[in-house]
Amino acid sequence: MELQDRLKEIRDRLDNTQGGDWKYFKEGREHTGGSDFIMTGPWGSDERGEDLEITGATEGDMEFIGDAKSDIKHLLFIIETLQKNK
């Protein structure tokens, strides 16, 4: 698969996710009561989606997933910038 096709697939998956940037909330650290979850989109925003509750995930998994959307946006930006400056 060509690099541009792969980047388009990644961008399409990113664009099809809910909410704005995501954030991992660990019960006992960011909030009390309830469970660990990933908040999709900023609190009170029109971009706010459904919370993601994932069973079987380690704290590291939840941190990774919670940051994945913003990390991927950033990496795509870097790749696109490097390609433009070739």
PDB file of N, CA and C in Angstrom:
ATOM      1  N   MET A   1       0.840  -1.173   0.000  1.00  0.00           N
ATOM      2  CA  MET A   1       0.000   0.000   0.000  1.00  0.00           C
ATOM      3  C   MET A   1       0.892   1.244   0.000  1.00  0.00           C
ATOM      4  N   GLU A   2       0.519   2.201  -0.805  1.00  0.00           N
ATOM      5  CA  GLU A   2       1.268   3.452  -0.896  1.00  0.00           C
ATOM      6  C   GLU A   2       1.107   4.269   0.385  1.00  0.00           C
ATOM      7  N   LEU A   3       2.120   5.046   0.699  1.00  0.00           N
ATOM      8  CA  LEU A   3       2.105   5.863   1.914  1.00  0.00           C
ATOM      9  C   LEU A   3       0.899   6.803   1.944  1.00  0.00           C
ATOM     10  N   GLN A   4       0.612   7.459   0.841  1.00  0.00           N
ATOM     11  CA  GLN A   4      -0.509   8.411   0.827  1.00  0.00           C
ATOM     12  C   GLN A   4      -1.844   7.714   1.069  1.00  0.00           C
ATOM     13  N   ASP A   5      -2.005   6.512   0.531  1.00  0.00           N
ATOM     14  CA  ASP A   5      -3.230   5.744   0.765  1.00  0.00           C
ATOM     15  C   ASP A   5      -3.354   5.379   2.245  1.00  0.00           C
ATOM     16  N   ARG A   6      -2.242   4.966   2.832  1.00  0.00           N
ATOM     17  CA  ARG A   6      -2.242   4.600   4.258  1.00  0.00           C
ATOM     18  C   ARG A   6      -2.563   5.810   5.130  1.00  0.00           C
ATOM     19  N   LEU A   7      -1.961   6.950   4.816  1.00  0.00           N
ATOM     20  CA  LEU A   7      -2.238   8.166   5.580  1.00  0.00           C
ATOM     21  C   LEU A   7      -3.697   8.593   5.443  1.00  0.00           C
ATOM     22  N   LYS A   8      -4.267   8.406   4.248  1.00  0.00           N
ATOM     23  CA  LYS A   8      -5.676   8.739   4.055  1.00  0.00           C
ATOM     24  C   LYS A   8      -6.563   7.832   4.903  1.00  0.00           C
ATOM     25  N   GLU A   9      -6.238   6.540   4.955  1.00  0.00           N
ATOM     26  CA  GLU A   9      -7.015   5.619   5.795  1.00  0.00           C
ATOM     27  C   GLU A   9      -6.955   6.030   7.269  1.00  0.00           C
ATOM     28  N   ILE A  10      -5.763   6.406   7.719  1.00  0.00           N
ATOM     29  CA  ILE A  10      -5.607   6.840   9.113  1.00  0.00           C
ATOM     30  C   ILE A  10      -6.405   8.112   9.353  1.00  0.00           C
ATOM     31  N   ARG A  11      -6.304   9.072   8.448  1.00  0.00           N
ATOM     32  CA  ARG A  11      -7.047  10.335   8.572  1.00  0.00           C
ATOM     33  C   ARG A  11      -8.554  10.063   8.573  1.00  0.00           C
ATOM     34  N   ASP A  12      -9.020   9.184   7.705  1.00  0.00           N
ATOM     35  CA  ASP A  12     -10.457   8.858   7.650  1.00  0.00           C
ATOM     36  C   ASP A  12     -10.933   8.246   8.968  1.00  0.00           C
ATOM     37  N   ARG A  13     -10.143   7.334   9.541  1.00  0.00           N
ATOM     38  CA  ARG A  13     -10.518   6.742  10.834  1.00  0.00           C
ATOM     39  C   ARG A  13     -10.553   7.810  11.918  1.00  0.00           C
ATOM     40  N   LEU A  14      -9.574   8.690  11.906  1.00  0.00           N
ATOM     41  CA  LEU A  14      -9.541   9.787  12.878  1.00  0.00           C
ATOM     42  C   LEU A  14     -10.774  10.673  12.734  1.00  0.00           C
ATOM     43  N   ASP A  15     -11.115  11.012  11.509  1.00  0.00           N
ATOM     44  CA  ASP A  15     -12.263  11.894  11.255  1.00  0.00           C
ATOM     45  C   ASP A  15     -13.593  11.242  11.618  1.00  0.00           C
ATOM     46  N   ASN A  16     -13.633   9.923  11.703  1.00  0.00           N
ATOM     47  CA  ASN A  16     -14.872   9.219  12.031  1.00  0.00           C
ATOM     48  C   ASN A  16     -15.038   8.927  13.517  1.00  0.00           C
ATOM     49  N   THR A  17     -14.126   9.436  14.350  1.00  0.00           N
ATOM     50  CA  THR A  17     -14.267   9.251  15.790  1.00  0.00           C
ATOM     51  C   THR A  17     -15.197  10.319  16.346  1.00  0.00           C
ATOM     52  N   GLN A  18     -15.753  10.052  17.521  1.00  0.00           N
ATOM     53  CA  GLN A  18     -16.675  11.015  18.120  1.00  0.00           C
ATOM     54  C   GLN A  18     -15.934  12.056  18.949  1.00  0.00           C
ATOM     55  N   GLY A  19     -16.575  13.201  19.080  1.00  0.00           N
ATOM     56  CA  GLY A  19     -16.084  14.245  19.962  1.00  0.00           C
ATOM     57  C   GLY A  19     -14.791  14.889  19.528  1.00  0.00           C
ATOM     58  N   GLY A  20     -14.375  15.869  20.319  1.00  0.00           N
ATOM     59  CA  GLY A  20     -13.096  16.529  20.111  1.00  0.00           C
ATOM     60  C   GLY A  20     -11.997  15.639  20.664  1.00  0.00           C
ATOM     61  N   ASP A  21     -10.979  16.257  21.231  1.00  0.00           N
ATOM     62  CA  ASP A  21      -9.913  15.460  21.831  1.00  0.00           C
ATOM     63  C   ASP A  21     -10.460  14.666  23.007  1.00  0.00           C
ATOM     64  N   TRP A  22      -9.827  13.556  23.294  1.00  0.00           N
ATOM     65  CA  TRP A  22     -10.272  12.665  24.356  1.00  0.00           C
ATOM     66  C   TRP A  22      -9.358  12.813  25.566  1.00  0.00           C
ATOM     67  N   LYS A  23      -9.880  12.436  26.734  1.00  0.00           N
ATOM     68  CA  LYS A  23      -9.093  12.494  27.965  1.00  0.00           C
ATOM     69  C   LYS A  23      -9.471  11.314  28.846  1.00  0.00           C
ATOM     70  N   TYR A  24      -8.460  10.680  29.389  1.00  0.00           N
ATOM     71  CA  TYR A  24      -8.650   9.558  30.300  1.00  0.00           C
ATOM     72  C   TYR A  24      -8.920  10.089  31.705  1.00  0.00           C
ATOM     73  N   PHE A  25      -9.983   9.620  32.323  1.00  0.00           N
ATOM     74  CA  PHE A  25     -10.319   9.960  33.702  1.00  0.00           C
ATOM     75  C   PHE A  25     -10.213   8.698  34.544  1.00  0.00           C
ATOM     76  N   LYS A  26      -9.264   8.705  35.470  1.00  0.00           N
ATOM     77  CA  LYS A  26      -9.068   7.568  36.370  1.00  0.00           C
ATOM     78  C   LYS A  26      -9.815   7.833  37.667  1.00  0.00           C
ATOM     79  N   GLU A  27     -10.659   6.875  38.043  1.00  0.00           N
ATOM     80  CA  GLU A  27     -11.410   6.987  39.290  1.00  0.00           C
ATOM     81  C   GLU A  27     -10.413   7.063  40.443  1.00  0.00           C
ATOM     82  N   GLY A  28     -10.608   8.036  41.315  1.00  0.00           N
ATOM     83  CA  GLY A  28      -9.703   8.243  42.428  1.00  0.00           C
ATOM     84  C   GLY A  28      -8.589   9.228  42.123  1.00  0.00           C
ATOM     85  N   ARG A  29      -8.383   9.561  40.862  1.00  0.00           N
ATOM     86  CA  ARG A  29      -7.350  10.536  40.478  1.00  0.00           C
ATOM     87  C   ARG A  29      -8.014  11.807  39.947  1.00  0.00           C
ATOM     88  N   GLU A  30      -8.804  11.704  38.873  1.00  0.00           N
ATOM     89  CA  GLU A  30      -9.496  12.876  38.314  1.00  0.00           C
ATOM     90  C   GLU A  30     -10.915  13.027  38.844  1.00  0.00           C
ATOM     91  N   HIS A  31     -11.465  11.968  39.358  1.00  0.00           N
ATOM     92  CA  HIS A  31     -12.834  12.027  39.880  1.00  0.00           C
ATOM     93  C   HIS A  31     -13.011  10.923  40.908  1.00  0.00           C
ATOM     94  N   THR A  32     -14.064  11.044  41.707  1.00  0.00           N
ATOM     95  CA  THR A  32     -14.364   9.994  42.680  1.00  0.00           C
ATOM     96  C   THR A  32     -15.751   9.444  42.402  1.00  0.00           C
ATOM     97  N   GLY A  33     -15.900   8.181  42.591  1.00  0.00           N
ATOM     98  CA  GLY A  33     -17.176   7.519  42.314  1.00  0.00           C
ATOM     99  C   GLY A  33     -17.284   7.146  40.852  1.00  0.00           C
ATOM    100  N   GLY A  34     -17.792   5.984  40.594  1.00  0.00           N
ATOM    101  CA  GLY A  34     -17.912   5.521  39.213  1.00  0.00           C
ATOM    102  C   GLY A  34     -16.726   4.681  38.817  1.00  0.00           C
ATOM    103  N   SER A  35     -16.359   4.764  37.552  1.00  0.00           N
ATOM    104  CA  SER A  35     -15.282   3.923  37.040  1.00  0.00           C
ATOM    105  C   SER A  35     -14.346   4.750  36.173  1.00  0.00           C
ATOM    106  N   ASP A  36     -13.255   4.121  35.759  1.00  0.00           N
ATOM    107  CA  ASP A  36     -12.353   4.755  34.810  1.00  0.00           C
ATOM    108  C   ASP A  36     -13.086   4.885  33.470  1.00  0.00           C
ATOM    109  N   PHE A  37     -12.847   5.984  32.764  1.00  0.00           N
ATOM    110  CA  PHE A  37     -13.466   6.164  31.453  1.00  0.00           C
ATOM    111  C   PHE A  37     -12.661   7.153  30.631  1.00  0.00           C
ATOM    112  N   ILE A  38     -12.963   7.192  29.343  1.00  0.00           N
ATOM    113  CA  ILE A  38     -12.364   8.175  28.447  1.00  0.00           C
ATOM    114  C   ILE A  38     -13.476   9.124  28.024  1.00  0.00           C
ATOM    115  N   MET A  39     -13.272  10.405  28.327  1.00  0.00           N
ATOM    116  CA  MET A  39     -14.246  11.426  27.942  1.00  0.00           C
ATOM    117  C   MET A  39     -13.938  11.864  26.514  1.00  0.00           C
ATOM    118  N   THR A  40     -14.949  11.843  25.672  1.00  0.00           N
ATOM    119  CA  THR A  40     -14.776  12.251  24.279  1.00  0.00           C
ATOM    120  C   THR A  40     -15.321  13.656  24.117  1.00  0.00           C
ATOM    121  N   GLY A  41     -14.446  14.569  23.802  1.00  0.00           N
ATOM    122  CA  GLY A  41     -14.820  15.966  23.635  1.00  0.00           C
ATOM    123  C   GLY A  41     -14.856  16.691  24.967  1.00  0.00           C
ATOM    124  N   PRO A  42     -14.676  18.004  24.927  1.00  0.00           N
ATOM    125  CA  PRO A  42     -14.653  18.794  26.156  1.00  0.00           C
ATOM    126  C   PRO A  42     -16.006  18.827  26.866  1.00  0.00           C
ATOM    127  N   TRP A  43     -15.962  18.842  28.196  1.00  0.00           N
ATOM    128  CA  TRP A  43     -17.171  18.897  29.023  1.00  0.00           C
ATOM    129  C   TRP A  43     -18.013  20.109  28.624  1.00  0.00           C
ATOM    130  N   GLY A  44     -19.304  19.903  28.413  1.00  0.00           N
ATOM    131  CA  GLY A  44     -20.230  20.985  28.097  1.00  0.00           C
ATOM    132  C   GLY A  44     -20.144  21.513  26.675  1.00  0.00           C
ATOM    133  N   SER A  45     -19.365  20.884  25.835  1.00  0.00           N
ATOM    134  CA  SER A  45     -19.168  21.326  24.463  1.00  0.00           C
ATOM    135  C   SER A  45     -20.112  20.594  23.516  1.00  0.00           C
ATOM    136  N   ASP A  46     -20.375  21.207  22.364  1.00  0.00           N
ATOM    137  CA  ASP A  46     -21.158  20.545  21.314  1.00  0.00           C
ATOM    138  C   ASP A  46     -20.413  19.338  20.747  1.00  0.00           C
ATOM    139  N   GLU A  47     -19.088  19.311  20.928  1.00  0.00           N
ATOM    140  CA  GLU A  47     -18.281  18.192  20.438  1.00  0.00           C
ATOM    141  C   GLU A  47     -18.322  16.996  21.379  1.00  0.00           C
ATOM    142  N   ARG A  48     -18.905  17.169  22.551  1.00  0.00           N
ATOM    143  CA  ARG A  48     -18.908  16.112  23.579  1.00  0.00           C
ATOM    144  C   ARG A  48     -19.673  14.903  23.079  1.00  0.00           C
ATOM    145  N   GLY A  49     -19.019  13.745  23.100  1.00  0.00           N
ATOM    146  CA  GLY A  49     -19.648  12.497  22.703  1.00  0.00           C
ATOM    147  C   GLY A  49     -19.914  11.625  23.917  1.00  0.00           C
ATOM    148  N   GLU A  50     -20.172  10.358  23.671  1.00  0.00           N
ATOM    149  CA  GLU A  50     -20.401   9.391  24.746  1.00  0.00           C
ATOM    150  C   GLU A  50     -19.074   9.027  25.405  1.00  0.00           C
ATOM    151  N   ASP A  51     -19.106   8.836  26.723  1.00  0.00           N
ATOM    152  CA  ASP A  51     -17.912   8.353  27.418  1.00  0.00           C
ATOM    153  C   ASP A  51     -17.605   6.937  26.951  1.00  0.00           C
ATOM    154  N   LEU A  52     -16.315   6.605  26.883  1.00  0.00           N
ATOM    155  CA  LEU A  52     -15.881   5.266  26.523  1.00  0.00           C
ATOM    156  C   LEU A  52     -15.474   4.539  27.798  1.00  0.00           C
ATOM    157  N   GLU A  53     -16.118   3.436  28.080  1.00  0.00           N
ATOM    158  CA  GLU A  53     -15.743   2.588  29.201  1.00  0.00           C
ATOM    159  C   GLU A  53     -15.286   1.270  28.611  1.00  0.00           C
ATOM    160  N   ILE A  54     -14.046   0.907  28.909  1.00  0.00           N
ATOM    161  CA  ILE A  54     -13.422  -0.241  28.271  1.00  0.00           C
ATOM    162  C   ILE A  54     -13.088  -1.279  29.332  1.00  0.00           C
ATOM    163  N   THR A  55     -13.627  -2.460  29.169  1.00  0.00           N
ATOM    164  CA  THR A  55     -13.336  -3.517  30.138  1.00  0.00           C
ATOM    165  C   THR A  55     -12.058  -4.243  29.744  1.00  0.00           C
ATOM    166  N   GLY A  56     -11.326  -4.685  30.738  1.00  0.00           N
ATOM    167  CA  GLY A  56     -10.120  -5.455  30.498  1.00  0.00           C
ATOM    168  C   GLY A  56      -8.892  -4.622  30.186  1.00  0.00           C
ATOM    169  N   ALA A  57      -9.029  -3.311  30.156  1.00  0.00           N
ATOM    170  CA  ALA A  57      -7.892  -2.451  29.824  1.00  0.00           C
ATOM    171  C   ALA A  57      -7.059  -2.148  31.066  1.00  0.00           C
ATOM    172  N   THR A  58      -5.759  -2.123  30.885  1.00  0.00           N
ATOM    173  CA  THR A  58      -4.879  -1.695  31.966  1.00  0.00           C
ATOM    174  C   THR A  58      -4.884  -0.171  32.014  1.00  0.00           C
ATOM    175  N   GLU A  59      -4.304   0.382  33.081  1.00  0.00           N
ATOM    176  CA  GLU A  59      -4.194   1.839  33.160  1.00  0.00           C
ATOM    177  C   GLU A  59      -3.383   2.375  31.986  1.00  0.00           C
ATOM    178  N   GLY A  60      -2.326   1.651  31.606  1.00  0.00           N
ATOM    179  CA  GLY A  60      -1.526   2.050  30.445  1.00  0.00           C
ATOM    180  C   GLY A  60      -2.328   2.041  29.156  1.00  0.00           C
ATOM    181  N   ASP A  61      -3.181   1.032  28.979  1.00  0.00           N
ATOM    182  CA  ASP A  61      -4.056   0.972  27.804  1.00  0.00           C
ATOM    183  C   ASP A  61      -4.965   2.198  27.757  1.00  0.00           C
ATOM    184  N   MET A  62      -5.560   2.520  28.924  1.00  0.00           N
ATOM    185  CA  MET A  62      -6.490   3.653  28.985  1.00  0.00           C
ATOM    186  C   MET A  62      -5.770   4.977  28.710  1.00  0.00           C
ATOM    187  N   GLU A  63      -4.564   5.140  29.242  1.00  0.00           N
ATOM    188  CA  GLU A  63      -3.776   6.344  28.959  1.00  0.00           C
ATOM    189  C   GLU A  63      -3.490   6.443  27.456  1.00  0.00           C
ATOM    190  N   PHE A  64      -3.097   5.315  26.855  1.00  0.00           N
ATOM    191  CA  PHE A  64      -2.774   5.284  25.425  1.00  0.00           C
ATOM    192  C   PHE A  64      -3.996   5.668  24.589  1.00  0.00           C
ATOM    193  N   ILE A  65      -5.129   5.038  24.867  1.00  0.00           N
ATOM    194  CA  ILE A  65      -6.345   5.298  24.100  1.00  0.00           C
ATOM    195  C   ILE A  65      -6.807   6.739  24.317  1.00  0.00           C
ATOM    196  N   GLY A  66      -6.727   7.199  25.569  1.00  0.00           N
ATOM    197  CA  GLY A  66      -7.155   8.560  25.878  1.00  0.00           C
ATOM    198  C   GLY A  66      -6.348   9.617  25.139  1.00  0.00           C
ATOM    199  N   ASP A  67      -5.063   9.355  24.888  1.00  0.00           N
ATOM    200  CA  ASP A  67      -4.207  10.313  24.186  1.00  0.00           C
ATOM    201  C   ASP A  67      -4.075  10.033  22.689  1.00  0.00           C
ATOM    202  N   ALA A  68      -4.552   8.881  22.240  1.00  0.00           N
ATOM    203  CA  ALA A  68      -4.321   8.458  20.849  1.00  0.00           C
ATOM    204  C   ALA A  68      -4.833   9.461  19.826  1.00  0.00           C
ATOM    205  N   LYS A  69      -6.012  10.013  20.053  1.00  0.00           N
ATOM    206  CA  LYS A  69      -6.595  10.917  19.052  1.00  0.00           C
ATOM    207  C   LYS A  69      -5.724  12.161  18.861  1.00  0.00           C
ATOM    208  N   SER A  70      -5.318  12.800  19.948  1.00  0.00           N
ATOM    209  CA  SER A  70      -4.483  13.994  19.807  1.00  0.00           C
ATOM    210  C   SER A  70      -3.078  13.628  19.319  1.00  0.00           C
ATOM    211  N   ASP A  71      -2.554  12.469  19.742  1.00  0.00           N
ATOM    212  CA  ASP A  71      -1.240  12.032  19.260  1.00  0.00           C
ATOM    213  C   ASP A  71      -1.266  11.802  17.744  1.00  0.00           C
ATOM    214  N   ILE A  72      -2.309  11.140  17.253  1.00  0.00           N
ATOM    215  CA  ILE A  72      -2.404  10.856  15.816  1.00  0.00           C
ATOM    216  C   ILE A  72      -2.556  12.150  15.024  1.00  0.00           C
ATOM    217  N   LYS A  73      -3.373  13.082  15.508  1.00  0.00           N
ATOM    218  CA  LYS A  73      -3.497  14.382  14.838  1.00  0.00           C
ATOM    219  C   LYS A  73      -2.133  15.046  14.712  1.00  0.00           C
ATOM    220  N   HIS A  74      -1.384  15.019  15.814  1.00  0.00           N
ATOM    221  CA  HIS A  74      -0.071  15.654  15.827  1.00  0.00           C
ATOM    222  C   HIS A  74       0.897  14.957  14.861  1.00  0.00           C
ATOM    223  N   LEU A  75       0.923  13.642  14.875  1.00  0.00           N
ATOM    224  CA  LEU A  75       1.808  12.902  13.974  1.00  0.00           C
ATOM    225  C   LEU A  75       1.446  13.133  12.512  1.00  0.00           C
ATOM    226  N   LEU A  76       0.159  13.167  12.191  1.00  0.00           N
ATOM    227  CA  LEU A  76      -0.251  13.447  10.811  1.00  0.00           C
ATOM    228  C   LEU A  76       0.187  14.848  10.396  1.00  0.00           C
ATOM    229  N   PHE A  77       0.061  15.814  11.303  1.00  0.00           N
ATOM    230  CA  PHE A  77       0.508  17.183  11.021  1.00  0.00           C
ATOM    231  C   PHE A  77       2.005  17.204  10.710  1.00  0.00           C
ATOM    232  N   ILE A  78       2.796  16.500  11.514  1.00  0.00           N
ATOM    233  CA  ILE A  78       4.246  16.452  11.297  1.00  0.00           C
ATOM    234  C   ILE A  78       4.568  15.817   9.948  1.00  0.00           C
ATOM    235  N   ILE A  79       3.922  14.701   9.635  1.00  0.00           N
ATOM    236  CA  ILE A  79       4.165  14.024   8.355  1.00  0.00           C
ATOM    237  C   ILE A  79       3.806  14.941   7.189  1.00  0.00           C
ATOM    238  N   GLU A  80       2.635  15.580   7.267  1.00  0.00           N
ATOM    239  CA  GLU A  80       2.203  16.468   6.182  1.00  0.00           C
ATOM    240  C   GLU A  80       3.153  17.654   6.033  1.00  0.00           C
ATOM    241  N   THR A  81       3.641  18.186   7.137  1.00  0.00           N
ATOM    242  CA  THR A  81       4.589  19.295   7.097  1.00  0.00           C
ATOM    243  C   THR A  81       5.899  18.866   6.453  1.00  0.00           C
ATOM    244  N   LEU A  82       6.408  17.690   6.841  1.00  0.00           N
ATOM    245  CA  LEU A  82       7.638  17.192   6.258  1.00  0.00           C
ATOM    246  C   LEU A  82       7.494  16.936   4.759  1.00  0.00           C
ATOM    247  N   GLN A  83       6.342  16.421   4.355  1.00  0.00           N
ATOM    248  CA  GLN A  83       6.119  16.150   2.925  1.00  0.00           C
ATOM    249  C   GLN A  83       6.068  17.445   2.119  1.00  0.00           C
ATOM    250  N   LYS A  84       5.484  18.500   2.692  1.00  0.00           N
ATOM    251  CA  LYS A  84       5.406  19.783   1.998  1.00  0.00           C
ATOM    252  C   LYS A  84       6.776  20.432   1.864  1.00  0.00           C
ATOM    253  N   ASN A  85       7.653  20.173   2.819  1.00  0.00           N
ATOM    254  CA  ASN A  85       8.975  20.799   2.846  1.00  0.00           C
ATOM    255  C   ASN A  85      10.061  19.971   2.183  1.00  0.00           C
ATOM    256  N   LYS A  86       9.669  18.922   1.444  1.00  0.00           N
ATOM    257  CA  LYS A  86      10.659  18.080   0.752  1.00  0.00           C
ATOM    258  C   LYS A  86      11.351  18.845  -0.320  1.00  0.00           C
TER     259      LYS A  86
END
